[in-house]
Amino acid sequence: MKCAIGIFLIAQALLTYLAIKMMYTPFIVKALNRNTGVMTVSYSYPLTYWLICIASGMMLIVGTYLVFAKEKKQIFN
């Protein structure tokens, strides 16, 4: 049962990551230095993107733990 829940959490984490990767586009900020002519481009994602990525990472870790967790055998005396 643990293994099935772990596989479900891993699949959910991967699908969530792929879905938000398609939905969110970064804010692009371009800055041009007029003295040197060098343009600096920086990308910034909204806070909800990072929160969902952290939650997906946690689901991935918990799912991996559940898949590889050993079943404890009970010893009856």
N, C-alpha and C. Protein backbone atom coordinates (compact mmCIF):
# COMPACT_ATOMS: atom_id res chain seq x y z
N MET A 1 0.82 -1.20 0.00
CA MET A 1 0.00 0.00 0.00
C MET A 1 0.87 1.26 0.00
N LYS A 2 1.97 1.20 0.78
CA LYS A 2 2.87 2.35 0.81
C LYS A 2 3.47 2.61 -0.56
N CYS A 3 3.80 1.54 -1.25
CA CYS A 3 4.42 1.68 -2.57
C CYS A 3 3.44 2.32 -3.56
N ALA A 4 2.19 1.94 -3.51
CA ALA A 4 1.19 2.51 -4.42
C ALA A 4 0.98 4.00 -4.16
N ILE A 5 0.92 4.37 -2.89
CA ILE A 5 0.77 5.79 -2.54
C ILE A 5 2.01 6.57 -2.96
N GLY A 6 3.18 5.96 -2.79
CA GLY A 6 4.43 6.61 -3.20
C GLY A 6 4.49 6.84 -4.69
N ILE A 7 4.07 5.85 -5.47
CA ILE A 7 4.07 6.00 -6.93
C ILE A 7 3.09 7.09 -7.35
N PHE A 8 1.92 7.13 -6.68
CA PHE A 8 0.94 8.17 -6.97
C PHE A 8 1.51 9.55 -6.67
N LEU A 9 2.19 9.71 -5.53
CA LEU A 9 2.75 11.02 -5.18
C LEU A 9 3.85 11.44 -6.15
N ILE A 10 4.67 10.50 -6.58
CA ILE A 10 5.72 10.82 -7.55
C ILE A 10 5.11 11.27 -8.87
N ALA A 11 4.11 10.53 -9.35
CA ALA A 11 3.46 10.91 -10.61
C ALA A 11 2.77 12.27 -10.48
N GLN A 12 2.11 12.50 -9.35
CA GLN A 12 1.43 13.78 -9.12
C GLN A 12 2.43 14.93 -9.11
N ALA A 13 3.58 14.74 -8.47
CA ALA A 13 4.59 15.80 -8.41
C ALA A 13 5.13 16.12 -9.79
N LEU A 14 5.42 15.09 -10.58
CA LEU A 14 5.96 15.32 -11.92
C LEU A 14 4.94 16.00 -12.84
N LEU A 15 3.69 15.54 -12.78
CA LEU A 15 2.66 16.14 -13.62
C LEU A 15 2.37 17.59 -13.20
N THR A 16 2.39 17.86 -11.91
CA THR A 16 2.18 19.23 -11.43
C THR A 16 3.31 20.14 -11.91
N TYR A 17 4.53 19.65 -11.82
CA TYR A 17 5.67 20.46 -12.28
C TYR A 17 5.56 20.76 -13.78
N LEU A 18 5.21 19.74 -14.56
CA LEU A 18 5.08 19.97 -16.01
C LEU A 18 3.93 20.93 -16.33
N ALA A 19 2.86 20.85 -15.57
CA ALA A 19 1.72 21.73 -15.81
C ALA A 19 2.05 23.18 -15.49
N ILE A 20 2.73 23.43 -14.37
CA ILE A 20 3.03 24.82 -14.03
C ILE A 20 4.14 25.37 -14.91
N LYS A 21 4.98 24.49 -15.42
CA LYS A 21 6.02 24.94 -16.34
C LYS A 21 5.39 25.50 -17.62
N MET A 22 4.25 24.92 -18.02
CA MET A 22 3.56 25.38 -19.22
C MET A 22 2.72 26.62 -18.95
N MET A 23 2.16 26.74 -17.73
CA MET A 23 1.23 27.84 -17.43
C MET A 23 1.93 29.16 -17.14
N TYR A 24 2.98 29.11 -16.35
CA TYR A 24 3.62 30.35 -15.91
C TYR A 24 4.72 30.76 -16.87
N THR A 25 4.70 32.02 -17.24
CA THR A 25 5.79 32.58 -18.04
C THR A 25 6.53 33.60 -17.18
N PRO A 26 7.83 33.66 -17.30
CA PRO A 26 8.58 34.56 -16.44
C PRO A 26 8.42 36.02 -16.86
N PHE A 27 8.59 36.89 -15.88
CA PHE A 27 8.68 38.32 -16.18
C PHE A 27 10.07 38.58 -16.72
N ILE A 28 10.16 39.24 -17.84
CA ILE A 28 11.46 39.52 -18.45
C ILE A 28 11.78 40.99 -18.25
N VAL A 29 12.95 41.24 -17.67
CA VAL A 29 13.41 42.60 -17.44
C VAL A 29 14.71 42.79 -18.21
N LYS A 30 14.72 43.75 -19.11
CA LYS A 30 15.91 44.03 -19.91
C LYS A 30 16.48 45.37 -19.48
N ALA A 31 17.79 45.40 -19.25
CA ALA A 31 18.46 46.65 -18.88
C ALA A 31 19.64 46.86 -19.82
N LEU A 32 19.71 48.02 -20.42
CA LEU A 32 20.77 48.34 -21.36
C LEU A 32 21.70 49.37 -20.74
N ASN A 33 22.98 49.03 -20.68
CA ASN A 33 23.99 49.97 -20.22
C ASN A 33 24.43 50.78 -21.43
N ARG A 34 24.11 52.04 -21.45
CA ARG A 34 24.39 52.87 -22.63
C ARG A 34 25.88 53.13 -22.84
N ASN A 35 26.68 53.05 -21.78
CA ASN A 35 28.12 53.28 -21.92
C ASN A 35 28.82 52.12 -22.61
N THR A 36 28.45 50.90 -22.24
CA THR A 36 29.14 49.74 -22.80
C THR A 36 28.34 49.06 -23.90
N GLY A 37 27.03 49.29 -23.95
CA GLY A 37 26.18 48.64 -24.95
C GLY A 37 25.80 47.22 -24.58
N VAL A 38 26.03 46.85 -23.33
CA VAL A 38 25.71 45.50 -22.88
C VAL A 38 24.27 45.48 -22.36
N MET A 39 23.50 44.52 -22.85
CA MET A 39 22.13 44.37 -22.37
C MET A 39 22.06 43.20 -21.40
N THR A 40 21.51 43.45 -20.23
CA THR A 40 21.32 42.41 -19.21
C THR A 40 19.86 42.01 -19.20
N VAL A 41 19.63 40.72 -19.33
CA VAL A 41 18.26 40.19 -19.32
C VAL A 41 18.12 39.31 -18.08
N SER A 42 17.09 39.59 -17.28
CA SER A 42 16.82 38.75 -16.11
C SER A 42 15.39 38.26 -16.16
N TYR A 43 15.21 37.02 -15.71
CA TYR A 43 13.91 36.38 -15.70
C TYR A 43 13.46 36.22 -14.26
N SER A 44 12.19 36.48 -14.00
CA SER A 44 11.66 36.36 -12.65
C SER A 44 10.29 35.69 -12.72
N TYR A 45 10.11 34.66 -11.90
CA TYR A 45 8.83 33.97 -11.82
C TYR A 45 8.04 34.51 -10.63
N PRO A 46 6.71 34.42 -10.68
CA PRO A 46 5.90 34.87 -9.54
C PRO A 46 6.08 33.94 -8.34
N LEU A 47 5.69 34.41 -7.17
CA LEU A 47 5.87 33.65 -5.94
C LEU A 47 5.09 32.35 -5.95
N THR A 48 3.92 32.34 -6.54
CA THR A 48 3.12 31.10 -6.55
C THR A 48 3.84 29.99 -7.32
N TYR A 49 4.61 30.33 -8.33
CA TYR A 49 5.38 29.34 -9.08
C TYR A 49 6.36 28.64 -8.15
N TRP A 50 7.07 29.44 -7.35
CA TRP A 50 8.07 28.85 -6.44
C TRP A 50 7.41 28.05 -5.33
N LEU A 51 6.26 28.49 -4.83
CA LEU A 51 5.57 27.73 -3.80
C LEU A 51 5.10 26.38 -4.32
N ILE A 52 4.59 26.36 -5.55
CA ILE A 52 4.15 25.10 -6.14
C ILE A 52 5.34 24.19 -6.41
N CYS A 53 6.47 24.75 -6.82
CA CYS A 53 7.67 23.94 -7.04
C CYS A 53 8.17 23.31 -5.74
N ILE A 54 8.13 24.07 -4.66
CA ILE A 54 8.56 23.54 -3.36
C ILE A 54 7.61 22.43 -2.91
N ALA A 55 6.31 22.63 -3.07
CA ALA A 55 5.34 21.61 -2.70
C ALA A 55 5.53 20.35 -3.56
N SER A 56 5.79 20.52 -4.84
CA SER A 56 6.02 19.36 -5.72
C SER A 56 7.29 18.62 -5.31
N GLY A 57 8.31 19.35 -4.94
CA GLY A 57 9.55 18.73 -4.48
C GLY A 57 9.34 17.93 -3.21
N MET A 58 8.55 18.47 -2.30
CA MET A 58 8.26 17.74 -1.06
C MET A 58 7.45 16.47 -1.36
N MET A 59 6.48 16.57 -2.27
CA MET A 59 5.72 15.37 -2.65
C MET A 59 6.62 14.33 -3.30
N LEU A 60 7.57 14.77 -4.09
CA LEU A 60 8.50 13.85 -4.74
C LEU A 60 9.36 13.13 -3.71
N ILE A 61 9.84 13.86 -2.71
CA ILE A 61 10.68 13.25 -1.67
C ILE A 61 9.88 12.26 -0.84
N VAL A 62 8.67 12.64 -0.43
CA VAL A 62 7.83 11.73 0.37
C VAL A 62 7.46 10.50 -0.46
N GLY A 63 7.12 10.69 -1.72
CA GLY A 63 6.78 9.56 -2.58
C GLY A 63 7.94 8.61 -2.76
N THR A 64 9.14 9.15 -2.94
CA THR A 64 10.34 8.31 -3.07
C THR A 64 10.60 7.53 -1.79
N TYR A 65 10.41 8.20 -0.65
CA TYR A 65 10.59 7.50 0.63
C TYR A 65 9.59 6.35 0.75
N LEU A 66 8.33 6.61 0.40
CA LEU A 66 7.32 5.56 0.53
C LEU A 66 7.57 4.39 -0.41
N VAL A 67 8.11 4.66 -1.58
CA VAL A 67 8.40 3.57 -2.53
C VAL A 67 9.53 2.69 -2.01
N PHE A 68 10.56 3.30 -1.44
CA PHE A 68 11.73 2.53 -1.02
C PHE A 68 11.74 2.18 0.46
N ALA A 69 10.68 2.50 1.21
CA ALA A 69 10.62 2.18 2.63
C ALA A 69 10.45 0.67 2.80
N LYS A 70 11.17 0.15 3.76
CA LYS A 70 11.08 -1.27 4.06
C LYS A 70 9.90 -1.51 4.99
N GLU A 71 9.20 -2.59 4.78
CA GLU A 71 8.10 -2.97 5.67
C GLU A 71 8.69 -3.53 6.95
N LYS A 72 8.20 -3.04 8.07
CA LYS A 72 8.66 -3.55 9.36
C LYS A 72 7.86 -4.81 9.69
N LYS A 73 8.57 -5.85 10.04
CA LYS A 73 7.90 -7.10 10.41
C LYS A 73 7.69 -7.11 11.92
N GLN A 74 6.50 -7.48 12.31
CA GLN A 74 6.19 -7.54 13.73
C GLN A 74 6.52 -8.92 14.26
N ILE A 75 7.16 -8.92 15.41
CA ILE A 75 7.53 -10.17 16.04
C ILE A 75 6.62 -10.40 17.24
N PHE A 76 5.91 -11.52 17.22
CA PHE A 76 5.02 -11.85 18.33
C PHE A 76 5.71 -12.88 19.21
N ASN A 77 5.74 -12.62 20.49
CA ASN A 77 6.37 -13.57 21.44
C ASN A 77 5.35 -14.47 22.04
